[in-house]
Amino acid sequence: MPLVPLSQREVTIGAPLPFSVYTEEGRLLMGRGHSVQSAEQFERLFAFGAFRHMFPGEQRDDAKSAQEDSAPAPAARTRRGHDEQVIVGPFPTAGCVPEDFVIALASGAGMPARTRFVGMLEGASLLLDGAGVDPAFAPGEAVEGQFIAGRYRHAFQSDIVGRHAAPFDVLYLRYPAEVRSRALRRHIRVGIDVTARLSRNDRTMAGTEVRAVDLSAAGVGLLVNSNSPAPGEHFKLSLPLSREGRVRTAPLNCIARNRRTKGGETLVGAEFGNTSGEARALVNDFVLDVLTGAMPPERHASRDGRSA
């Protein structure tokens, strides 16, 4: 039976699905009668484009068979329609580590503070690094927060319930009642920690070990100690990924798009270039495994390239 792109308007958080949901290739994502329980799960469902079978008598000009090659235009329209939506749900707790965390006093006083997400007591409190954060961020103050996780920018309101200066300066925020999320990136990213090999034909750096710290269907983030690729430079990356109990290496042709310093190391953002379909499929399947929970974060390929 033909598959058609699923609109986010057809999925209601907490309500049983009246149909099964598939990937564009026909892989089952969620069966009929199951329900999406959170905005985070909603995000996972639409991460690679969600499809359903046509209803009897339904007329669609974007229908396609499960065996048919990908038709990117209808799926892209579905994603753009979804990206324009603001999703309201709970704080994201799995799949992607919050980054670029910024908090501001709701009163508008003082300057916003960029900080680091430390952890959380689910349902009770968010823990943020207080080092360098103005003392005006004190217990009792209402705050507004923003951060990036995966392909979404998230925003929330809360208040500071505690601040401890010793042994480390930590801010305790009341656990947000809800988080408003809007798509920021075209492809969702997942955090990883995998040792890979970067090769450049024109330099002696061929075979240098680097750390892959995030991954999406379109690119990878790498921590490089020295001699990092310059923006626009092409290089090859051998990335070991654990799937179905074994480690397979994805040979990826990459193009450096940006770089910045992070903790004394250089973070390089790279886009995948002319890479084989098999390697791209391995990356896509790995990211989907992480998002759906089939590959929990603690089971990612380990730093030495072996399955943890």
Foldseek 3Di string as FASTA:
>chain_A
DWKAFDALVQADAPFFRQFWKAALLRHTDGGGGDHHHWVLSVCLCCQRTIITDDDVPDDDPRTGHSHDPDDPPRRVVRLVNVLVDKGKGFDDDFFWAWDQKWKDFPVRPDDIDGWHFDQADPQFWTKIFCVPPDPVLAAPTKMKMWTDTWQKIKIFIWHWHHFDPPPGTMTITGGGPMIIIHGHDPHTKGFAWEWKFKADPVDPSHRPIWTFTMATLWWTKIWAQDPDDDAQDKIWMWTWWDDPHFIDTQIFIWGFHDWDDDPNTIITIITTDPGDPVSSVVRNVRSSCRSSVVQGRVQIQDHVRGTD
